[in-house]
Amino acid sequence: MASYNVPKLAPGEIHREEEAIRRSRFIVSIARVKGTEQAKTFIERIRAEHPDATHNCWAFQAGPAGNTAFAGCSDDGEPKGTAGRPMLTVLLHCGVGEIAAVVTRYFGGTLLGTGGLVHAYQGMVKKGLETLPVTERIETACIELQMEPRFYEHAASVIARHEGAVLSRSFSADVVLTVEAAQTKVQDLVQELQKISAGRIRVRPLDGAS
């Protein structure tokens, strides 16, 4: 997948919605997370904010949209399958990646039943998603370019034309550039660089795609 939507939230920023359902207070907290460690840190943060809550049920999908490789969920004491899994189902099908949601419940004295719990927890995640700001995340790749100084100005122009970003520059006998660009543009960028230099610009793929 070349691109997908992610929460448009700054690091540490939380998006929240709240609703009373049959006397219980439900609060959904949503954050952008990259990887399971960030997801777990976010979940623990919400637990610490609501230590007296009846439940802090959670789900996260911390990779590309719809990908289950970095997904997890928990009912946190609610009947099995009534909270975490329904929440995760919503996240996996919402088209947004790198996302975690915690639904905090303060019990109000009225039992909701199995179906009512599923509806409440899924509904809170959907409610949060309805107002969640999102932005497109584009997969990028990093490459290292090594060239004679005479090619530098022309190469810089080609990089800019393909919307690449020069992350670092080194000037010695040769010029060495670390360049980041959208994965969908890297091949055309490299081909044009080879064309303008008759194959004299050396290209090395790097780890560090975003």
C-alpha atoms as a PDB file:
ATOM      1  CA  MET A   1       0.000   0.000   0.000  1.00  0.00           C
ATOM      2  CA  ALA A   2       1.618   3.234  -1.154  1.00  0.00           C
ATOM      3  CA  SER A   3      -0.397   5.535   1.095  1.00  0.00           C
ATOM      4  CA  TYR A   4      -3.120   5.510   3.706  1.00  0.00           C
ATOM      5  CA  ASN A   5      -4.794   7.854   6.156  1.00  0.00           C
ATOM      6  CA  VAL A   6      -3.513   8.317   9.701  1.00  0.00           C
ATOM      7  CA  PRO A   7      -4.813  10.420  12.604  1.00  0.00           C
ATOM      8  CA  LYS A   8      -3.794  14.042  12.146  1.00  0.00           C
ATOM      9  CA  LEU A   9      -2.593  14.311  15.729  1.00  0.00           C
ATOM     10  CA  ALA A  10       0.691  15.560  17.110  1.00  0.00           C
ATOM     11  CA  PRO A  11       2.802  13.235  19.298  1.00  0.00           C
ATOM     12  CA  GLY A  12       1.073  13.016  22.662  1.00  0.00           C
ATOM     13  CA  GLU A  13      -2.156  14.585  21.371  1.00  0.00           C
ATOM     14  CA  ILE A  14      -5.408  12.751  22.154  1.00  0.00           C
ATOM     15  CA  HIS A  15      -8.742  13.015  20.367  1.00  0.00           C
ATOM     16  CA  ARG A  16     -11.761  12.396  22.624  1.00  0.00           C
ATOM     17  CA  GLU A  17     -15.511  11.964  22.518  1.00  0.00           C
ATOM     18  CA  GLU A  18     -17.870  11.166  25.391  1.00  0.00           C
ATOM     19  CA  GLU A  19     -21.398   9.804  25.708  1.00  0.00           C
ATOM     20  CA  ALA A  20     -23.759   8.546  28.414  1.00  0.00           C
ATOM     21  CA  ILE A  21     -25.310   5.199  27.536  1.00  0.00           C
ATOM     22  CA  ARG A  22     -27.982   3.905  29.901  1.00  0.00           C
ATOM     23  CA  ARG A  23     -26.428   5.744  32.850  1.00  0.00           C
ATOM     24  CA  SER A  24     -22.874   4.543  32.153  1.00  0.00           C
ATOM     25  CA  ARG A  25     -20.326   7.143  31.127  1.00  0.00           C
ATOM     26  CA  PHE A  26     -18.250   6.175  28.089  1.00  0.00           C
ATOM     27  CA  ILE A  27     -15.163   8.084  26.928  1.00  0.00           C
ATOM     28  CA  VAL A  28     -13.243   7.194  23.783  1.00  0.00           C
ATOM     29  CA  SER A  29      -9.620   8.346  23.515  1.00  0.00           C
ATOM     30  CA  ILE A  30      -7.813   8.036  20.186  1.00  0.00           C
ATOM     31  CA  ALA A  31      -4.151   8.610  19.327  1.00  0.00           C
ATOM     32  CA  ARG A  32      -1.738   8.027  16.489  1.00  0.00           C
ATOM     33  CA  VAL A  33       0.707   5.213  17.276  1.00  0.00           C
ATOM     34  CA  LYS A  34       3.566   3.762  15.252  1.00  0.00           C
ATOM     35  CA  GLY A  35       4.197   0.212  16.397  1.00  0.00           C
ATOM     36  CA  THR A  36       3.042  -1.827  19.360  1.00  0.00           C
ATOM     37  CA  GLU A  37       5.305  -0.113  21.905  1.00  0.00           C
ATOM     38  CA  GLN A  38       3.765   3.289  21.260  1.00  0.00           C
ATOM     39  CA  ALA A  39       0.309   1.707  21.411  1.00  0.00           C
ATOM     40  CA  LYS A  40       1.017   0.134  24.804  1.00  0.00           C
ATOM     41  CA  THR A  41       2.436   3.407  26.139  1.00  0.00           C
ATOM     42  CA  PHE A  42      -0.724   5.241  25.071  1.00  0.00           C
ATOM     43  CA  ILE A  43      -2.969   2.616  26.689  1.00  0.00           C
ATOM     44  CA  GLU A  44      -1.064   2.866  29.974  1.00  0.00           C
ATOM     45  CA  ARG A  45      -1.374   6.641  29.840  1.00  0.00           C
ATOM     46  CA  ILE A  46      -5.163   6.396  29.607  1.00  0.00           C
ATOM     47  CA  ARG A  47      -5.254   3.833  32.427  1.00  0.00           C
ATOM     48  CA  ALA A  48      -3.289   6.260  34.583  1.00  0.00           C
ATOM     49  CA  GLU A  49      -5.702   9.082  33.729  1.00  0.00           C
ATOM     50  CA  HIS A  50      -8.727   6.958  34.674  1.00  0.00           C
ATOM     51  CA  PRO A  51      -7.554   4.642  37.480  1.00  0.00           C
ATOM     52  CA  ASP A  52     -11.022   4.601  39.059  1.00  0.00           C
ATOM     53  CA  ALA A  53     -12.859   3.647  35.859  1.00  0.00           C
ATOM     54  CA  THR A  54     -14.756   0.351  35.778  1.00  0.00           C
ATOM     55  CA  HIS A  55     -13.065  -0.623  32.500  1.00  0.00           C
ATOM     56  CA  ASN A  56     -10.463   0.738  30.092  1.00  0.00           C
ATOM     57  CA  CYS A  57     -11.017  -1.445  27.038  1.00  0.00           C
ATOM     58  CA  TRP A  58      -8.671  -0.977  24.119  1.00  0.00           C
ATOM     59  CA  ALA A  59      -7.753  -1.841  20.570  1.00  0.00           C
ATOM     60  CA  PHE A  60      -4.975  -0.736  18.276  1.00  0.00           C
ATOM     61  CA  GLN A  61      -3.908  -1.153  14.689  1.00  0.00           C
ATOM     62  CA  ALA A  62      -0.425   0.318  14.783  1.00  0.00           C
ATOM     63  CA  GLY A  63       0.651  -0.319  11.202  1.00  0.00           C
ATOM     64  CA  PRO A  64      -0.745   0.299   7.718  1.00  0.00           C
ATOM     65  CA  ALA A  65      -4.526   0.568   7.420  1.00  0.00           C
ATOM     66  CA  GLY A  66      -6.208  -2.832   7.576  1.00  0.00           C
ATOM     67  CA  ASN A  67      -2.994  -4.681   8.459  1.00  0.00           C
ATOM     68  CA  THR A  68      -3.300  -7.078  11.406  1.00  0.00           C
ATOM     69  CA  ALA A  69       0.458  -7.535  11.938  1.00  0.00           C
ATOM     70  CA  PHE A  70       0.578  -4.776  14.572  1.00  0.00           C
ATOM     71  CA  ALA A  71      -2.904  -5.156  16.044  1.00  0.00           C
ATOM     72  CA  GLY A  72      -4.163  -5.997  19.513  1.00  0.00           C
ATOM     73  CA  CYS A  73      -7.186  -5.635  21.769  1.00  0.00           C
ATOM     74  CA  SER A  74      -8.495  -6.262  25.285  1.00  0.00           C
ATOM     75  CA  ASP A  75     -11.908  -6.491  26.968  1.00  0.00           C
ATOM     76  CA  ASP A  76     -10.342  -5.353  30.272  1.00  0.00           C
ATOM     77  CA  GLY A  77     -12.810  -7.275  32.410  1.00  0.00           C
ATOM     78  CA  GLU A  78     -15.910  -6.947  30.261  1.00  0.00           C
ATOM     79  CA  PRO A  79     -17.442 -10.267  29.100  1.00  0.00           C
ATOM     80  CA  LYS A  80     -15.193 -11.940  26.542  1.00  0.00           C
ATOM     81  CA  GLY A  81     -15.635 -10.624  23.017  1.00  0.00           C
ATOM     82  CA  THR A  82     -17.899  -7.719  23.925  1.00  0.00           C
ATOM     83  CA  ALA A  83     -15.419  -4.822  23.824  1.00  0.00           C
ATOM     84  CA  GLY A  84     -11.862  -5.211  22.510  1.00  0.00           C
ATOM     85  CA  ARG A  85     -12.616  -7.380  19.488  1.00  0.00           C
ATOM     86  CA  PRO A  86     -15.597  -5.279  18.322  1.00  0.00           C
ATOM     87  CA  MET A  87     -13.455  -2.143  18.726  1.00  0.00           C
ATOM     88  CA  LEU A  88     -10.629  -3.688  16.702  1.00  0.00           C
ATOM     89  CA  THR A  89     -13.050  -4.706  13.949  1.00  0.00           C
ATOM     90  CA  VAL A  90     -14.037  -1.065  13.545  1.00  0.00           C
ATOM     91  CA  LEU A  91     -10.398   0.054  13.406  1.00  0.00           C
ATOM     92  CA  LEU A  92      -9.437  -2.583  10.841  1.00  0.00           C
ATOM     93  CA  HIS A  93     -12.205  -1.471   8.489  1.00  0.00           C
ATOM     94  CA  CYS A  94     -12.084   2.299   8.942  1.00  0.00           C
ATOM     95  CA  GLY A  95      -9.332   2.972   6.402  1.00  0.00           C
ATOM     96  CA  VAL A  96      -7.098   4.663   8.983  1.00  0.00           C
ATOM     97  CA  GLY A  97      -3.759   3.203  10.051  1.00  0.00           C
ATOM     98  CA  GLU A  98      -1.410   3.811  12.993  1.00  0.00           C
ATOM     99  CA  ILE A  99      -4.332   4.244  15.349  1.00  0.00           C
ATOM    100  CA  ALA A 100      -5.184   3.208  18.900  1.00  0.00           C
ATOM    101  CA  ALA A 101      -8.425   3.638  20.806  1.00  0.00           C
ATOM    102  CA  VAL A 102      -9.262   3.220  24.487  1.00  0.00           C
ATOM    103  CA  VAL A 103     -12.891   3.263  25.601  1.00  0.00           C
ATOM    104  CA  THR A 104     -13.187   4.099  29.280  1.00  0.00           C
ATOM    105  CA  ARG A 105     -16.387   3.096  31.069  1.00  0.00           C
ATOM    106  CA  TYR A 106     -17.713   4.324  34.382  1.00  0.00           C
ATOM    107  CA  PHE A 107     -20.513   1.914  35.270  1.00  0.00           C
ATOM    108  CA  GLY A 108     -23.800   3.618  36.017  1.00  0.00           C
ATOM    109  CA  GLY A 109     -25.721   0.728  37.570  1.00  0.00           C
ATOM    110  CA  THR A 110     -27.608  -0.558  34.516  1.00  0.00           C
ATOM    111  CA  LEU A 111     -26.439  -3.749  32.825  1.00  0.00           C
ATOM    112  CA  LEU A 112     -26.273  -3.516  29.039  1.00  0.00           C
ATOM    113  CA  GLY A 113     -26.176  -7.206  28.159  1.00  0.00           C
ATOM    114  CA  THR A 114     -23.825  -8.775  25.636  1.00  0.00           C
ATOM    115  CA  GLY A 115     -25.367  -7.148  22.587  1.00  0.00           C
ATOM    116  CA  GLY A 116     -25.611  -3.804  24.325  1.00  0.00           C
ATOM    117  CA  LEU A 117     -21.933  -3.877  25.254  1.00  0.00           C
ATOM    118  CA  VAL A 118     -20.836  -4.682  21.707  1.00  0.00           C
ATOM    119  CA  HIS A 119     -23.015  -1.870  20.385  1.00  0.00           C
ATOM    120  CA  ALA A 120     -21.716   0.595  22.987  1.00  0.00           C
ATOM    121  CA  TYR A 121     -18.007  -0.101  22.493  1.00  0.00           C
ATOM    122  CA  GLN A 122     -18.218  -0.224  18.708  1.00  0.00           C
ATOM    123  CA  GLY A 123     -20.382   2.872  18.739  1.00  0.00           C
ATOM    124  CA  MET A 124     -17.899   4.844  20.808  1.00  0.00           C
ATOM    125  CA  VAL A 125     -15.040   4.052  18.431  1.00  0.00           C
ATOM    126  CA  LYS A 126     -17.214   5.027  15.470  1.00  0.00           C
ATOM    127  CA  LYS A 127     -18.204   8.230  17.266  1.00  0.00           C
ATOM    128  CA  GLY A 128     -14.548   9.100  17.768  1.00  0.00           C
ATOM    129  CA  LEU A 129     -13.712   8.352  14.146  1.00  0.00           C
ATOM    130  CA  GLU A 130     -16.507  10.609  12.899  1.00  0.00           C
ATOM    131  CA  THR A 131     -14.739  13.697  14.259  1.00  0.00           C
ATOM    132  CA  LEU A 132     -11.134  12.475  14.049  1.00  0.00           C
ATOM    133  CA  PRO A 133      -8.928  14.650  11.827  1.00  0.00           C
ATOM    134  CA  VAL A 134      -6.913  12.523   9.388  1.00  0.00           C
ATOM    135  CA  THR A 135      -4.156  13.111   6.887  1.00  0.00           C
ATOM    136  CA  GLU A 136      -2.593  11.006   4.159  1.00  0.00           C
ATOM    137  CA  ARG A 137       0.616   9.215   5.023  1.00  0.00           C
ATOM    138  CA  ILE A 138       2.785   8.461   2.032  1.00  0.00           C
ATOM    139  CA  GLU A 139       5.286   5.596   2.170  1.00  0.00           C
ATOM    140  CA  THR A 140       8.795   6.871   1.496  1.00  0.00           C
ATOM    141  CA  ALA A 141      12.177   5.367   0.735  1.00  0.00           C
ATOM    142  CA  CYS A 142      15.695   6.633   1.371  1.00  0.00           C
ATOM    143  CA  ILE A 143      18.540   6.428  -1.115  1.00  0.00           C
ATOM    144  CA  GLU A 144      22.160   7.538  -1.051  1.00  0.00           C
ATOM    145  CA  LEU A 145      23.541   9.307  -4.107  1.00  0.00           C
ATOM    146  CA  GLN A 146      27.254   9.655  -4.791  1.00  0.00           C
ATOM    147  CA  MET A 147      28.354  11.881  -7.665  1.00  0.00           C
ATOM    148  CA  GLU A 148      31.028  14.125  -9.063  1.00  0.00           C
ATOM    149  CA  PRO A 149      30.534  17.762  -8.023  1.00  0.00           C
ATOM    150  CA  ARG A 150      29.714  18.778 -11.622  1.00  0.00           C
ATOM    151  CA  PHE A 151      26.453  16.835 -11.409  1.00  0.00           C
ATOM    152  CA  TYR A 152      25.292  18.335  -8.125  1.00  0.00           C
ATOM    153  CA  GLU A 153      23.263  21.343  -9.301  1.00  0.00           C
ATOM    154  CA  HIS A 154      21.467  19.355 -11.988  1.00  0.00           C
ATOM    155  CA  ALA A 155      20.798  16.468  -9.566  1.00  0.00           C
ATOM    156  CA  ALA A 156      19.366  18.864  -6.982  1.00  0.00           C
ATOM    157  CA  SER A 157      16.955  20.162  -9.609  1.00  0.00           C
ATOM    158  CA  VAL A 158      15.855  16.627 -10.514  1.00  0.00           C
ATOM    159  CA  ILE A 159      15.346  15.732  -6.847  1.00  0.00           C
ATOM    160  CA  ALA A 160      13.179  18.798  -6.296  1.00  0.00           C
ATOM    161  CA  ARG A 161      11.140  18.069  -9.427  1.00  0.00           C
ATOM    162  CA  HIS A 162      10.325  14.608  -8.055  1.00  0.00           C
ATOM    163  CA  GLU A 163       9.414  16.119  -4.652  1.00  0.00           C
ATOM    164  CA  GLY A 164      12.353  14.495  -2.916  1.00  0.00           C
ATOM    165  CA  ALA A 165      13.924  15.801   0.283  1.00  0.00           C
ATOM    166  CA  VAL A 166      17.685  15.993   0.812  1.00  0.00           C
ATOM    167  CA  LEU A 167      18.258  14.757   4.366  1.00  0.00           C
ATOM    168  CA  SER A 168      22.027  15.209   4.390  1.00  0.00           C
ATOM    169  CA  ARG A 169      24.846  16.493   2.187  1.00  0.00           C
ATOM    170  CA  SER A 170      28.534  15.705   2.221  1.00  0.00           C
ATOM    171  CA  PHE A 171      31.032  17.548   0.026  1.00  0.00           C
ATOM    172  CA  SER A 172      34.498  16.086  -0.428  1.00  0.00           C
ATOM    173  CA  ALA A 173      36.054  14.579  -3.540  1.00  0.00           C
ATOM    174  CA  ASP A 174      32.540  13.457  -4.406  1.00  0.00           C
ATOM    175  CA  VAL A 175      29.187  14.806  -3.342  1.00  0.00           C
ATOM    176  CA  VAL A 176      27.144  12.357  -1.238  1.00  0.00           C
ATOM    177  CA  LEU A 177      23.439  13.013  -0.689  1.00  0.00           C
ATOM    178  CA  THR A 178      20.894  11.163   1.405  1.00  0.00           C
ATOM    179  CA  VAL A 179      17.522  11.620  -0.252  1.00  0.00           C
ATOM    180  CA  GLU A 180      14.015  10.687   0.865  1.00  0.00           C
ATOM    181  CA  ALA A 181      11.170  10.456  -1.646  1.00  0.00           C
ATOM    182  CA  ALA A 182       7.781   8.820  -2.043  1.00  0.00           C
ATOM    183  CA  GLN A 183       8.184   5.159  -2.984  1.00  0.00           C
ATOM    184  CA  THR A 184       6.036   5.755  -6.043  1.00  0.00           C
ATOM    185  CA  LYS A 185       8.490   8.401  -7.295  1.00  0.00           C
ATOM    186  CA  VAL A 186      11.866   6.818  -6.479  1.00  0.00           C
ATOM    187  CA  GLN A 187      12.187   4.753  -9.654  1.00  0.00           C
ATOM    188  CA  ASP A 188      11.527   7.720 -11.953  1.00  0.00           C
ATOM    189  CA  LEU A 189      13.863   9.884  -9.874  1.00  0.00           C
ATOM    190  CA  VAL A 190      16.719   7.390 -10.168  1.00  0.00           C
ATOM    191  CA  GLN A 191      16.143   6.892 -13.903  1.00  0.00           C
ATOM    192  CA  GLU A 192      16.342  10.621 -14.563  1.00  0.00           C
ATOM    193  CA  LEU A 193      19.481  10.969 -12.459  1.00  0.00           C
ATOM    194  CA  GLN A 194      21.122   8.178 -14.428  1.00  0.00           C
ATOM    195  CA  LYS A 195      20.060   9.824 -17.657  1.00  0.00           C
ATOM    196  CA  ILE A 196      21.531  13.244 -16.858  1.00  0.00           C
ATOM    197  CA  SER A 197      24.821  11.678 -15.704  1.00  0.00           C
ATOM    198  CA  ALA A 198      25.098   8.891 -18.281  1.00  0.00           C
ATOM    199  CA  GLY A 199      24.984   6.432 -15.389  1.00  0.00           C
ATOM    200  CA  ARG A 200      27.778   8.100 -13.417  1.00  0.00           C
ATOM    201  CA  ILE A 201      25.653   8.903 -10.325  1.00  0.00           C
ATOM    202  CA  ARG A 202      25.884   5.935  -7.988  1.00  0.00           C
ATOM    203  CA  VAL A 203      22.687   4.967  -6.125  1.00  0.00           C
ATOM    204  CA  ARG A 204      22.444   2.900  -2.943  1.00  0.00           C
ATOM    205  CA  PRO A 205      19.136   2.026  -1.243  1.00  0.00           C
ATOM    206  CA  LEU A 206      19.052   2.775   2.490  1.00  0.00           C
ATOM    207  CA  ASP A 207      16.930   1.551   5.360  1.00  0.00           C
ATOM    208  CA  GLY A 208      14.795   4.229   6.930  1.00  0.00           C
ATOM    209  CA  ALA A 209      11.566   4.347   4.940  1.00  0.00           C
ATOM    210  CA  SER A 210       8.947   6.246   6.896  1.00  0.00           C
END
